[in-house]
Amino acid sequence: LEFRNLGPFRGGRVVAVAGDYENRLVFYFGSTGGGVWKTEDGGHY
């Protein structure tokens, strides 16, 4: 069994974002309290 988020669907304050110039599904964000996060499926996960 695995946990999945049932909400609320907010991850805190984000003041920094960036995207991959070659892979259209890859993006990054920097949280003000949680480091750097990456998605490889266009933001679903």
PDB file of all heavy atoms in Angstrom:
ATOM      1  N   LEU A   1       0.830  -1.197   0.000  1.00  0.00           N
ATOM      2  CA  LEU A   1       0.000   0.000   0.000  1.00  0.00           C
ATOM      3  C   LEU A   1       0.866   1.248   0.000  1.00  0.00           C
ATOM      4  O   LEU A   1       1.937   1.287   0.591  1.00  0.00           O
ATOM      5  CB  LEU A   1      -0.918   0.010   1.229  1.00  0.00           C
ATOM      6  CG  LEU A   1      -1.949  -1.116   1.316  1.00  0.00           C
ATOM      7  CD1 LEU A   1      -2.800  -0.945   2.561  1.00  0.00           C
ATOM      8  CD2 LEU A   1      -2.845  -1.125   0.071  1.00  0.00           C
ATOM      9  N   GLU A   2       0.403   2.295  -0.676  1.00  0.00           N
ATOM     10  CA  GLU A   2       1.112   3.565  -0.743  1.00  0.00           C
ATOM     11  C   GLU A   2       0.161   4.697  -0.391  1.00  0.00           C
ATOM     12  O   GLU A   2      -1.034   4.644  -0.712  1.00  0.00           O
ATOM     13  CB  GLU A   2       1.694   3.810  -2.133  1.00  0.00           C
ATOM     14  CG  GLU A   2       2.771   2.803  -2.542  1.00  0.00           C
ATOM     15  CD  GLU A   2       3.340   3.124  -3.912  1.00  0.00           C
ATOM     16  OE1 GLU A   2       2.846   4.088  -4.544  1.00  0.00           O
ATOM     17  OE2 GLU A   2       4.269   2.421  -4.346  1.00  0.00           O
ATOM     18  N   PHE A   3       0.687   5.724   0.274  1.00  0.00           N
ATOM     19  CA  PHE A   3      -0.118   6.892   0.587  1.00  0.00           C
ATOM     20  C   PHE A   3      -0.296   7.744  -0.666  1.00  0.00           C
ATOM     21  O   PHE A   3       0.597   7.843  -1.508  1.00  0.00           O
ATOM     22  CB  PHE A   3       0.553   7.745   1.673  1.00  0.00           C
ATOM     23  CG  PHE A   3       0.436   7.158   3.052  1.00  0.00           C
ATOM     24  CD1 PHE A   3       1.475   6.450   3.617  1.00  0.00           C
ATOM     25  CD2 PHE A   3      -0.733   7.321   3.778  1.00  0.00           C
ATOM     26  CE1 PHE A   3       1.366   5.922   4.895  1.00  0.00           C
ATOM     27  CE2 PHE A   3      -0.853   6.793   5.051  1.00  0.00           C
ATOM     28  CZ  PHE A   3       0.196   6.088   5.610  1.00  0.00           C
ATOM     29  N   ARG A   4      -1.464   8.358  -0.804  1.00  0.00           N
ATOM     30  CA  ARG A   4      -1.687   9.332  -1.862  1.00  0.00           C
ATOM     31  C   ARG A   4      -2.380  10.550  -1.266  1.00  0.00           C
ATOM     32  O   ARG A   4      -3.141  10.431  -0.302  1.00  0.00           O
ATOM     33  CB  ARG A   4      -2.517   8.754  -3.013  1.00  0.00           C
ATOM     34  CG  ARG A   4      -3.918   8.311  -2.650  1.00  0.00           C
ATOM     35  CD  ARG A   4      -4.561   7.566  -3.822  1.00  0.00           C
ATOM     36  NE  ARG A   4      -5.880   7.056  -3.488  1.00  0.00           N
ATOM     37  CZ  ARG A   4      -7.015   7.709  -3.746  1.00  0.00           C
ATOM     38  NH1 ARG A   4      -6.960   8.896  -4.323  1.00  0.00           N
ATOM     39  NH2 ARG A   4      -8.173   7.177  -3.432  1.00  0.00           N
ATOM     40  N   ASN A   5      -2.077  11.698  -1.843  1.00  0.00           N
ATOM     41  CA  ASN A   5      -2.590  12.956  -1.307  1.00  0.00           C
ATOM     42  C   ASN A   5      -4.059  13.130  -1.670  1.00  0.00           C
ATOM     43  O   ASN A   5      -4.432  13.079  -2.839  1.00  0.00           O
ATOM     44  CB  ASN A   5      -1.768  14.124  -1.865  1.00  0.00           C
ATOM     45  CG  ASN A   5      -2.179  15.459  -1.271  1.00  0.00           C
ATOM     46  OD1 ASN A   5      -2.894  15.502  -0.270  1.00  0.00           O
ATOM     47  ND2 ASN A   5      -1.718  16.540  -1.868  1.00  0.00           N
ATOM     48  N   LEU A   6      -4.895  13.340  -0.649  1.00  0.00           N
ATOM     49  CA  LEU A   6      -6.312  13.594  -0.863  1.00  0.00           C
ATOM     50  C   LEU A   6      -6.648  15.077  -0.733  1.00  0.00           C
ATOM     51  O   LEU A   6      -7.814  15.465  -0.794  1.00  0.00           O
ATOM     52  CB  LEU A   6      -7.148  12.794   0.148  1.00  0.00           C
ATOM     53  CG  LEU A   6      -6.997  11.268   0.071  1.00  0.00           C
ATOM     54  CD1 LEU A   6      -7.855  10.606   1.127  1.00  0.00           C
ATOM     55  CD2 LEU A   6      -7.382  10.753  -1.306  1.00  0.00           C
ATOM     56  N   GLY A   7      -5.646  15.907  -0.544  1.00  0.00           N
ATOM     57  CA  GLY A   7      -5.868  17.344  -0.440  1.00  0.00           C
ATOM     58  C   GLY A   7      -5.535  17.847   0.945  1.00  0.00           C
ATOM     59  O   GLY A   7      -5.366  17.053   1.869  1.00  0.00           O
ATOM     60  N   PRO A   8      -5.426  19.143   1.139  1.00  0.00           N
ATOM     61  CA  PRO A   8      -5.552  20.162   0.086  1.00  0.00           C
ATOM     62  C   PRO A   8      -4.363  20.148  -0.862  1.00  0.00           C
ATOM     63  O   PRO A   8      -3.262  19.805  -0.458  1.00  0.00           O
ATOM     64  CB  PRO A   8      -5.608  21.478   0.881  1.00  0.00           C
ATOM     65  CG  PRO A   8      -4.845  21.185   2.124  1.00  0.00           C
ATOM     66  CD  PRO A   8      -5.126  19.741   2.448  1.00  0.00           C
ATOM     67  N   PHE A   9      -4.607  20.499  -2.102  1.00  0.00           N
ATOM     68  CA  PHE A   9      -3.577  20.390  -3.127  1.00  0.00           C
ATOM     69  C   PHE A   9      -2.777  21.678  -3.232  1.00  0.00           C
ATOM     70  O   PHE A   9      -2.791  22.389  -4.223  1.00  0.00           O
ATOM     71  CB  PHE A   9      -4.221  20.040  -4.476  1.00  0.00           C
ATOM     72  CG  PHE A   9      -4.879  18.691  -4.452  1.00  0.00           C
ATOM     73  CD1 PHE A   9      -6.237  18.586  -4.199  1.00  0.00           C
ATOM     74  CD2 PHE A   9      -4.140  17.543  -4.628  1.00  0.00           C
ATOM     75  CE1 PHE A   9      -6.839  17.328  -4.168  1.00  0.00           C
ATOM     76  CE2 PHE A   9      -4.733  16.294  -4.591  1.00  0.00           C
ATOM     77  CZ  PHE A   9      -6.094  16.190  -4.360  1.00  0.00           C
ATOM     78  N   ARG A  10      -2.098  22.007  -2.163  1.00  0.00           N
ATOM     79  CA  ARG A  10      -1.218  23.161  -2.140  1.00  0.00           C
ATOM     80  C   ARG A  10       0.075  22.775  -1.445  1.00  0.00           C
ATOM     81  O   ARG A  10       0.056  22.088  -0.432  1.00  0.00           O
ATOM     82  CB  ARG A  10      -1.870  24.346  -1.430  1.00  0.00           C
ATOM     83  CG  ARG A  10      -3.004  24.968  -2.215  1.00  0.00           C
ATOM     84  CD  ARG A  10      -3.490  26.238  -1.569  1.00  0.00           C
ATOM     85  NE  ARG A  10      -4.174  25.963  -0.312  1.00  0.00           N
ATOM     86  CZ  ARG A  10      -4.625  26.911   0.483  1.00  0.00           C
ATOM     87  NH1 ARG A  10      -4.425  28.174   0.180  1.00  0.00           N
ATOM     88  NH2 ARG A  10      -5.252  26.608   1.605  1.00  0.00           N
ATOM     89  N   GLY A  11       1.191  23.217  -2.001  1.00  0.00           N
ATOM     90  CA  GLY A  11       2.480  22.790  -1.471  1.00  0.00           C
ATOM     91  C   GLY A  11       3.281  23.886  -0.816  1.00  0.00           C
ATOM     92  O   GLY A  11       4.487  23.757  -0.657  1.00  0.00           O
ATOM     93  N   GLY A  12       2.639  24.985  -0.431  1.00  0.00           N
ATOM     94  CA  GLY A  12       3.387  26.063   0.190  1.00  0.00           C
ATOM     95  C   GLY A  12       3.793  27.105  -0.816  1.00  0.00           C
ATOM     96  O   GLY A  12       3.494  27.043  -2.007  1.00  0.00           O
ATOM     97  N   ARG A  13       4.507  28.103  -0.337  1.00  0.00           N
ATOM     98  CA  ARG A  13       4.869  29.254  -1.157  1.00  0.00           C
ATOM     99  C   ARG A  13       5.998  28.917  -2.125  1.00  0.00           C
ATOM    100  O   ARG A  13       6.987  28.310  -1.745  1.00  0.00           O
ATOM    101  CB  ARG A  13       5.245  30.425  -0.260  1.00  0.00           C
ATOM    102  CG  ARG A  13       4.091  30.880   0.628  1.00  0.00           C
ATOM    103  CD  ARG A  13       4.502  31.851   1.700  1.00  0.00           C
ATOM    104  NE  ARG A  13       5.325  32.918   1.177  1.00  0.00           N
ATOM    105  CZ  ARG A  13       6.530  33.221   1.658  1.00  0.00           C
ATOM    106  NH1 ARG A  13       7.029  32.542   2.663  1.00  0.00           N
ATOM    107  NH2 ARG A  13       7.212  34.206   1.147  1.00  0.00           N
ATOM    108  N   VAL A  14       5.825  29.353  -3.368  1.00  0.00           N
ATOM    109  CA  VAL A  14       6.812  29.101  -4.419  1.00  0.00           C
ATOM    110  C   VAL A  14       7.182  30.431  -5.062  1.00  0.00           C
ATOM    111  O   VAL A  14       6.322  31.125  -5.608  1.00  0.00           O
ATOM    112  CB  VAL A  14       6.257  28.128  -5.480  1.00  0.00           C
ATOM    113  CG1 VAL A  14       7.227  28.027  -6.662  1.00  0.00           C
ATOM    114  CG2 VAL A  14       6.012  26.760  -4.871  1.00  0.00           C
ATOM    115  N   VAL A  15       8.454  30.803  -4.998  1.00  0.00           N
ATOM    116  CA  VAL A  15       8.917  32.048  -5.608  1.00  0.00           C
ATOM    117  C   VAL A  15       9.905  31.802  -6.741  1.00  0.00           C
ATOM    118  O   VAL A  15      10.441  32.755  -7.311  1.00  0.00           O
ATOM    119  CB  VAL A  15       9.554  32.978  -4.553  1.00  0.00           C
ATOM    120  CG1 VAL A  15       8.552  33.328  -3.465  1.00  0.00           C
ATOM    121  CG2 VAL A  15      10.805  32.355  -3.941  1.00  0.00           C
ATOM    122  N   ALA A  16      10.149  30.544  -7.107  1.00  0.00           N
ATOM    123  CA  ALA A  16      11.125  30.229  -8.154  1.00  0.00           C
ATOM    124  C   ALA A  16      10.650  29.036  -8.969  1.00  0.00           C
ATOM    125  O   ALA A  16      10.337  27.984  -8.403  1.00  0.00           O
ATOM    126  CB  ALA A  16      12.492  29.928  -7.536  1.00  0.00           C
ATOM    127  N   VAL A  17      10.600  29.197 -10.296  1.00  0.00           N
ATOM    128  CA  VAL A  17      10.220  28.113 -11.188  1.00  0.00           C
ATOM    129  C   VAL A  17      11.149  28.114 -12.398  1.00  0.00           C
ATOM    130  O   VAL A  17      11.756  29.136 -12.739  1.00  0.00           O
ATOM    131  CB  VAL A  17       8.755  28.229 -11.662  1.00  0.00           C
ATOM    132  CG1 VAL A  17       7.798  28.069 -10.495  1.00  0.00           C
ATOM    133  CG2 VAL A  17       8.511  29.557 -12.368  1.00  0.00           C
ATOM    134  N   ALA A  18      11.250  26.974 -13.063  1.00  0.00           N
ATOM    135  CA  ALA A  18      12.080  26.859 -14.268  1.00  0.00           C
ATOM    136  C   ALA A  18      11.619  25.642 -15.057  1.00  0.00           C
ATOM    137  O   ALA A  18      10.980  24.730 -14.519  1.00  0.00           O
ATOM    138  CB  ALA A  18      13.560  26.728 -13.909  1.00  0.00           C
ATOM    139  N   GLY A  19      11.958  25.616 -16.338  1.00  0.00           N
ATOM    140  CA  GLY A  19      11.605  24.500 -17.194  1.00  0.00           C
ATOM    141  C   GLY A  19      12.790  23.990 -17.969  1.00  0.00           C
ATOM    142  O   GLY A  19      13.783  24.706 -18.182  1.00  0.00           O
ATOM    143  N   ASP A  20      12.686  22.734 -18.390  1.00  0.00           N
ATOM    144  CA  ASP A  20      13.700  22.118 -19.233  1.00  0.00           C
ATOM    145  C   ASP A  20      13.498  22.599 -20.666  1.00  0.00           C
ATOM    146  O   ASP A  20      12.379  22.599 -21.179  1.00  0.00           O
ATOM    147  CB  ASP A  20      13.579  20.593 -19.139  1.00  0.00           C
ATOM    148  CG  ASP A  20      14.723  19.863 -19.800  1.00  0.00           C
ATOM    149  OD1 ASP A  20      14.942  20.048 -21.013  1.00  0.00           O
ATOM    150  OD2 ASP A  20      15.402  19.082 -19.115  1.00  0.00           O
ATOM    151  N   TYR A  21      14.569  22.993 -21.330  1.00  0.00           N
ATOM    152  CA  TYR A  21      14.460  23.540 -22.668  1.00  0.00           C
ATOM    153  C   TYR A  21      14.288  22.474 -23.743  1.00  0.00           C
ATOM    154  O   TYR A  21      13.929  22.803 -24.876  1.00  0.00           O
ATOM    155  CB  TYR A  21      15.699  24.387 -22.987  1.00  0.00           C
ATOM    156  CG  TYR A  21      15.748  25.695 -22.238  1.00  0.00           C
ATOM    157  CD1 TYR A  21      16.257  25.750 -20.941  1.00  0.00           C
ATOM    158  CD2 TYR A  21      15.276  26.868 -22.808  1.00  0.00           C
ATOM    159  CE1 TYR A  21      16.310  26.949 -20.236  1.00  0.00           C
ATOM    160  CE2 TYR A  21      15.316  28.071 -22.116  1.00  0.00           C
ATOM    161  CZ  TYR A  21      15.839  28.104 -20.835  1.00  0.00           C
ATOM    162  OH  TYR A  21      15.875  29.290 -20.136  1.00  0.00           O
ATOM    163  N   GLU A  22      14.531  21.218 -23.410  1.00  0.00           N
ATOM    164  CA  GLU A  22      14.457  20.157 -24.403  1.00  0.00           C
ATOM    165  C   GLU A  22      13.325  19.170 -24.109  1.00  0.00           C
ATOM    166  O   GLU A  22      12.633  18.735 -25.029  1.00  0.00           O
ATOM    167  CB  GLU A  22      15.792  19.410 -24.478  1.00  0.00           C
ATOM    168  CG  GLU A  22      16.936  20.289 -24.982  1.00  0.00           C
ATOM    169  CD  GLU A  22      18.253  19.537 -25.035  1.00  0.00           C
ATOM    170  OE1 GLU A  22      18.299  18.352 -24.639  1.00  0.00           O
ATOM    171  OE2 GLU A  22      19.253  20.144 -25.468  1.00  0.00           O
ATOM    172  N   ASN A  23      13.149  18.796 -22.859  1.00  0.00           N
ATOM    173  CA  ASN A  23      12.089  17.858 -22.485  1.00  0.00           C
ATOM    174  C   ASN A  23      10.856  18.646 -22.076  1.00  0.00           C
ATOM    175  O   ASN A  23      10.834  19.314 -21.046  1.00  0.00           O
ATOM    176  CB  ASN A  23      12.556  16.953 -21.338  1.00  0.00           C
ATOM    177  CG  ASN A  23      11.613  15.795 -21.100  1.00  0.00           C
ATOM    178  OD1 ASN A  23      10.402  15.912 -21.282  1.00  0.00           O
ATOM    179  ND2 ASN A  23      12.160  14.662 -20.680  1.00  0.00           N
ATOM    180  N   ARG A  24       9.808  18.562 -22.842  1.00  0.00           N
ATOM    181  CA  ARG A  24       8.624  19.394 -22.639  1.00  0.00           C
ATOM    182  C   ARG A  24       7.855  19.054 -21.364  1.00  0.00           C
ATOM    183  O   ARG A  24       7.040  19.855 -20.903  1.00  0.00           O
ATOM    184  CB  ARG A  24       7.681  19.272 -23.841  1.00  0.00           C
ATOM    185  CG  ARG A  24       8.253  19.829 -25.125  1.00  0.00           C
ATOM    186  CD  ARG A  24       7.246  19.690 -26.259  1.00  0.00           C
ATOM    187  NE  ARG A  24       5.985  20.329 -25.975  1.00  0.00           N
ATOM    188  CZ  ARG A  24       5.737  21.622 -26.149  1.00  0.00           C
ATOM    189  NH1 ARG A  24       6.687  22.418 -26.613  1.00  0.00           N
ATOM    190  NH2 ARG A  24       4.553  22.126 -25.885  1.00  0.00           N
ATOM    191  N   LEU A  25       8.091  17.908 -20.782  1.00  0.00           N
ATOM    192  CA  LEU A  25       7.342  17.503 -19.597  1.00  0.00           C
ATOM    193  C   LEU A  25       8.097  17.756 -18.302  1.00  0.00           C
ATOM    194  O   LEU A  25       7.585  17.467 -17.225  1.00  0.00           O
ATOM    195  CB  LEU A  25       6.972  16.016 -19.687  1.00  0.00           C
ATOM    196  CG  LEU A  25       6.062  15.626 -20.847  1.00  0.00           C
ATOM    197  CD1 LEU A  25       5.775  14.126 -20.810  1.00  0.00           C
ATOM    198  CD2 LEU A  25       4.756  16.417 -20.826  1.00  0.00           C
ATOM    199  N   VAL A  26       9.309  18.295 -18.387  1.00  0.00           N
ATOM    200  CA  VAL A  26      10.141  18.490 -17.194  1.00  0.00           C
ATOM    201  C   VAL A  26      10.108  19.949 -16.752  1.00  0.00           C
ATOM    202  O   VAL A  26      10.400  20.861 -17.536  1.00  0.00           O
ATOM    203  CB  VAL A  26      11.596  18.055 -17.449  1.00  0.00           C
ATOM    204  CG1 VAL A  26      12.487  18.421 -16.269  1.00  0.00           C
ATOM    205  CG2 VAL A  26      11.652  16.553 -17.701  1.00  0.00           C
ATOM    206  N   PHE A  27       9.743  20.146 -15.480  1.00  0.00           N
ATOM    207  CA  PHE A  27       9.739  21.463 -14.861  1.00  0.00           C
ATOM    208  C   PHE A  27      10.276  21.340 -13.440  1.00  0.00           C
ATOM    209  O   PHE A  27      10.298  20.247 -12.857  1.00  0.00           O
ATOM    210  CB  PHE A  27       8.324  22.054 -14.812  1.00  0.00           C
ATOM    211  CG  PHE A  27       7.685  22.271 -16.150  1.00  0.00           C
ATOM    212  CD1 PHE A  27       6.887  21.288 -16.728  1.00  0.00           C
ATOM    213  CD2 PHE A  27       7.875  23.456 -16.841  1.00  0.00           C
ATOM    214  CE1 PHE A  27       6.289  21.481 -17.959  1.00  0.00           C
ATOM    215  CE2 PHE A  27       7.285  23.664 -18.085  1.00  0.00           C
ATOM    216  CZ  PHE A  27       6.491  22.673 -18.638  1.00  0.00           C
ATOM    217  N   TYR A  28      10.680  22.496 -12.872  1.00  0.00           N
ATOM    218  CA  TYR A  28      11.201  22.539 -11.507  1.00  0.00           C
ATOM    219  C   TYR A  28      10.543  23.697 -10.760  1.00  0.00           C
ATOM    220  O   TYR A  28      10.154  24.698 -11.362  1.00  0.00           O
ATOM    221  CB  TYR A  28      12.720  22.770 -11.501  1.00  0.00           C
ATOM    222  CG  TYR A  28      13.527  21.739 -12.239  1.00  0.00           C
ATOM    223  CD1 TYR A  28      13.746  21.854 -13.613  1.00  0.00           C
ATOM    224  CD2 TYR A  28      14.095  20.652 -11.571  1.00  0.00           C
ATOM    225  CE1 TYR A  28      14.503  20.914 -14.299  1.00  0.00           C
ATOM    226  CE2 TYR A  28      14.861  19.705 -12.248  1.00  0.00           C
ATOM    227  CZ  TYR A  28      15.054  19.847 -13.614  1.00  0.00           C
ATOM    228  OH  TYR A  28      15.802  18.915 -14.283  1.00  0.00           O
ATOM    229  N   PHE A  29      10.437  23.547  -9.441  1.00  0.00           N
ATOM    230  CA  PHE A  29      10.092  24.703  -8.618  1.00  0.00           C
ATOM    231  C   PHE A  29      10.901  24.680  -7.338  1.00  0.00           C
ATOM    232  O   PHE A  29      11.323  23.627  -6.859  1.00  0.00           O
ATOM    233  CB  PHE A  29       8.584  24.782  -8.330  1.00  0.00           C
ATOM    234  CG  PHE A  29       8.056  23.847  -7.269  1.00  0.00           C
ATOM    235  CD1 PHE A  29       8.219  24.117  -5.912  1.00  0.00           C
ATOM    236  CD2 PHE A  29       7.344  22.705  -7.623  1.00  0.00           C
ATOM    237  CE1 PHE A  29       7.709  23.275  -4.936  1.00  0.00           C
ATOM    238  CE2 PHE A  29       6.834  21.847  -6.654  1.00  0.00           C
ATOM    239  CZ  PHE A  29       7.011  22.137  -5.304  1.00  0.00           C
ATOM    240  N   GLY A  30      11.133  25.880  -6.797  1.00  0.00           N
ATOM    241  CA  GLY A  30      11.832  26.018  -5.534  1.00  0.00           C
ATOM    242  C   GLY A  30      10.869  26.514  -4.478  1.00  0.00           C
ATOM    243  O   GLY A  30      10.232  27.558  -4.638  1.00  0.00           O
ATOM    244  N   SER A  31      10.767  25.783  -3.398  1.00  0.00           N
ATOM    245  CA  SER A  31       9.864  26.143  -2.309  1.00  0.00           C
ATOM    246  C   SER A  31      10.588  27.042  -1.307  1.00  0.00           C
ATOM    247  O   SER A  31      11.795  26.942  -1.122  1.00  0.00           O
ATOM    248  CB  SER A  31       9.367  24.872  -1.618  1.00  0.00           C
ATOM    249  OG  SER A  31       8.742  25.170  -0.394  1.00  0.00           O
ATOM    250  N   THR A  32       9.837  27.908  -0.644  1.00  0.00           N
ATOM    251  CA  THR A  32      10.435  28.751   0.386  1.00  0.00           C
ATOM    252  C   THR A  32      10.709  27.979   1.667  1.00  0.00           C
ATOM    253  O   THR A  32      11.316  28.532   2.586  1.00  0.00           O
ATOM    254  CB  THR A  32       9.523  29.936   0.721  1.00  0.00           C
ATOM    255  OG1 THR A  32       8.275  29.452   1.224  1.00  0.00           O
ATOM    256  CG2 THR A  32       9.286  30.791  -0.509  1.00  0.00           C
ATOM    257  N   GLY A  33      10.286  26.725   1.710  1.00  0.00           N
ATOM    258  CA  GLY A  33      10.552  25.937   2.907  1.00  0.00           C
ATOM    259  C   GLY A  33      10.769  24.468   2.645  1.00  0.00           C
ATOM    260  O   GLY A  33      10.742  23.665   3.576  1.00  0.00           O
ATOM    261  N   GLY A  34      11.024  24.074   1.376  1.00  0.00           N
ATOM    262  CA  GLY A  34      11.120  22.655   1.085  1.00  0.00           C
ATOM    263  C   GLY A  34      12.067  22.263  -0.016  1.00  0.00           C
ATOM    264  O   GLY A  34      11.982  21.154  -0.543  1.00  0.00           O
ATOM    265  N   GLY A  35      12.997  23.150  -0.422  1.00  0.00           N
ATOM    266  CA  GLY A  35      13.987  22.763  -1.407  1.00  0.00           C
ATOM    267  C   GLY A  35      13.473  22.803  -2.838  1.00  0.00           C
ATOM    268  O   GLY A  35      12.504  23.490  -3.159  1.00  0.00           O
ATOM    269  N   VAL A  36      14.139  22.017  -3.716  1.00  0.00           N
ATOM    270  CA  VAL A  36      13.835  21.981  -5.143  1.00  0.00           C
ATOM    271  C   VAL A  36      13.038  20.720  -5.467  1.00  0.00           C
ATOM    272  O   VAL A  36      13.380  19.625  -5.010  1.00  0.00           O
ATOM    273  CB  VAL A  36      15.121  22.024  -5.988  1.00  0.00           C
ATOM    274  CG1 VAL A  36      14.801  21.874  -7.474  1.00  0.00           C
ATOM    275  CG2 VAL A  36      15.871  23.322  -5.751  1.00  0.00           C
ATOM    276  N   TRP A  37      11.996  20.904  -6.285  1.00  0.00           N
ATOM    277  CA  TRP A  37      11.121  19.804  -6.702  1.00  0.00           C
ATOM    278  C   TRP A  37      11.115  19.714  -8.222  1.00  0.00           C
ATOM    279  O   TRP A  37      11.270  20.717  -8.910  1.00  0.00           O
ATOM    280  CB  TRP A  37       9.710  20.015  -6.177  1.00  0.00           C
ATOM    281  CG  TRP A  37       9.626  19.984  -4.672  1.00  0.00           C
ATOM    282  CD1 TRP A  37      10.108  20.919  -3.801  1.00  0.00           C
ATOM    283  CD2 TRP A  37       9.056  18.954  -3.880  1.00  0.00           C
ATOM    284  NE1 TRP A  37       9.867  20.539  -2.503  1.00  0.00           N
ATOM    285  CE2 TRP A  37       9.213  19.342  -2.516  1.00  0.00           C
ATOM    286  CE3 TRP A  37       8.408  17.750  -4.158  1.00  0.00           C
ATOM    287  CZ2 TRP A  37       8.760  18.559  -1.461  1.00  0.00           C
ATOM    288  CZ3 TRP A  37       7.948  16.977  -3.120  1.00  0.00           C
ATOM    289  CH2 TRP A  37       8.125  17.375  -1.783  1.00  0.00           C
ATOM    290  N   LYS A  38      10.898  18.485  -8.723  1.00  0.00           N
ATOM    291  CA  LYS A  38      10.951  18.231 -10.160  1.00  0.00           C
ATOM    292  C   LYS A  38       9.765  17.388 -10.587  1.00  0.00           C
ATOM    293  O   LYS A  38       9.341  16.479  -9.882  1.00  0.00           O
ATOM    294  CB  LYS A  38      12.260  17.499 -10.509  1.00  0.00           C
ATOM    295  CG  LYS A  38      12.428  17.126 -11.984  1.00  0.00           C
ATOM    296  CD  LYS A  38      13.739  16.378 -12.208  1.00  0.00           C
ATOM    297  CE  LYS A  38      13.946  16.025 -13.669  1.00  0.00           C
ATOM    298  NZ  LYS A  38      15.240  15.324 -13.905  1.00  0.00           N
ATOM    299  N   THR A  39       9.214  17.705 -11.752  1.00  0.00           N
ATOM    300  CA  THR A  39       8.211  16.845 -12.377  1.00  0.00           C
ATOM    301  C   THR A  39       8.729  16.398 -13.736  1.00  0.00           C
ATOM    302  O   THR A  39       9.399  17.159 -14.433  1.00  0.00           O
ATOM    303  CB  THR A  39       6.864  17.570 -12.546  1.00  0.00           C
ATOM    304  OG1 THR A  39       5.925  16.679 -13.165  1.00  0.00           O
ATOM    305  CG2 THR A  39       6.999  18.824 -13.391  1.00  0.00           C
ATOM    306  N   GLU A  40       8.414  15.167 -14.091  1.00  0.00           N
ATOM    307  CA  GLU A  40       8.792  14.623 -15.391  1.00  0.00           C
ATOM    308  C   GLU A  40       7.577  14.234 -16.212  1.00  0.00           C
ATOM    309  O   GLU A  40       7.713  13.636 -17.282  1.00  0.00           O
ATOM    310  CB  GLU A  40       9.701  13.405 -15.202  1.00  0.00           C
ATOM    311  CG  GLU A  40      11.017  13.740 -14.517  1.00  0.00           C
ATOM    312  CD  GLU A  40      11.886  12.526 -14.277  1.00  0.00           C
ATOM    313  OE1 GLU A  40      11.478  11.636 -13.500  1.00  0.00           O
ATOM    314  OE2 GLU A  40      12.984  12.474 -14.875  1.00  0.00           O
ATOM    315  N   ASP A  41       6.390  14.602 -15.721  1.00  0.00           N
ATOM    316  CA  ASP A  41       5.163  14.283 -16.445  1.00  0.00           C
ATOM    317  C   ASP A  41       4.254  15.505 -16.589  1.00  0.00           C
ATOM    318  O   ASP A  41       3.030  15.392 -16.571  1.00  0.00           O
ATOM    319  CB  ASP A  41       4.409  13.134 -15.772  1.00  0.00           C
ATOM    320  CG  ASP A  41       4.065  13.422 -14.315  1.00  0.00           C
ATOM    321  OD1 ASP A  41       4.255  14.573 -13.870  1.00  0.00           O
ATOM    322  OD2 ASP A  41       3.591  12.499 -13.626  1.00  0.00           O
ATOM    323  N   GLY A  42       4.871  16.663 -16.700  1.00  0.00           N
ATOM    324  CA  GLY A  42       4.099  17.870 -16.927  1.00  0.00           C
ATOM    325  C   GLY A  42       3.351  18.395 -15.727  1.00  0.00           C
ATOM    326  O   GLY A  42       2.408  19.169 -15.866  1.00  0.00           O
ATOM    327  N   GLY A  43       3.752  17.988 -14.520  1.00  0.00           N
ATOM    328  CA  GLY A  43       3.158  18.537 -13.317  1.00  0.00           C
ATOM    329  C   GLY A  43       2.181  17.647 -12.590  1.00  0.00           C
ATOM    330  O   GLY A  43       1.677  18.023 -11.525  1.00  0.00           O
ATOM    331  N   HIS A  44       1.905  16.450 -13.098  1.00  0.00           N
ATOM    332  CA  HIS A  44       0.989  15.547 -12.397  1.00  0.00           C
ATOM    333  C   HIS A  44       1.607  15.021 -11.103  1.00  0.00           C
ATOM    334  O   HIS A  44       0.911  14.857 -10.094  1.00  0.00           O
ATOM    335  CB  HIS A  44       0.596  14.373 -13.309  1.00  0.00           C
ATOM    336  CG  HIS A  44      -0.249  14.777 -14.475  1.00  0.00           C
ATOM    337  ND1 HIS A  44      -1.583  15.073 -14.359  1.00  0.00           N
ATOM    338  CD2 HIS A  44       0.060  14.952 -15.788  1.00  0.00           C
ATOM    339  CE1 HIS A  44      -2.066  15.395 -15.535  1.00  0.00           C
ATOM    340  NE2 HIS A  44      -1.091  15.333 -16.423  1.00  0.00           N
ATOM    341  N   TYR A  45       2.891  14.760 -11.139  1.00  0.00           N
ATOM    342  CA  TYR A  45       3.572  14.224  -9.959  1.00  0.00           C
ATOM    343  C   TYR A  45       4.886  14.969  -9.781  1.00  0.00           C
ATOM    344  O   TYR A  45       5.643  15.170 -10.737  1.00  0.00           O
ATOM    345  CB  TYR A  45       3.845  12.726 -10.130  1.00  0.00           C
ATOM    346  CG  TYR A  45       4.675  12.127  -9.020  1.00  0.00           C
ATOM    347  CD1 TYR A  45       4.117  11.845  -7.786  1.00  0.00           C
ATOM    348  CD2 TYR A  45       6.029  11.854  -9.224  1.00  0.00           C
ATOM    349  CE1 TYR A  45       4.883  11.310  -6.761  1.00  0.00           C
ATOM    350  CE2 TYR A  45       6.800  11.309  -8.205  1.00  0.00           C
ATOM    351  CZ  TYR A  45       6.219  11.041  -6.981  1.00  0.00           C
ATOM    352  OH  TYR A  45       6.985  10.512  -5.963  1.00  0.00           O
TER     353      TYR A  45
END
